[in-house]
Amino acid sequence: MKIGYDSGLTLANECVLSCTDRLRVNTFFPIVDQLILTLDKRTDAYMMLSNRFSFLSELGRDTANINDMRTAGEKLAVVYSNDIEEH
């Protein structure tokens, strides 16, 4: 027996969803999933930048360790070696 699209019958393994549930499953959930993925990528990017540049927030503080700051600055110079000109 062939079941047509408009027949109102469903196959045994199909689920009948209300309009609200269909909207939720086919539109809302994919949008939320994509939003979460995008936010995760941005979070990773901001964490990387924070790790690279956070030592600058210690400038001028009495608690700043000059050796740690020098090491962090050298690491930053390596990462951006193509963007930095030596004088």
Foldseek 3Di string as FASTA:
>chain_A
DDDDPPNPDDDPPDDDDDPVVCCCVVPVVVVVVVVVVVVVVVVVVVVVVCQLPVLVVCPPPPPRDPVVSVVSVVVNCVVCVVPDDDD
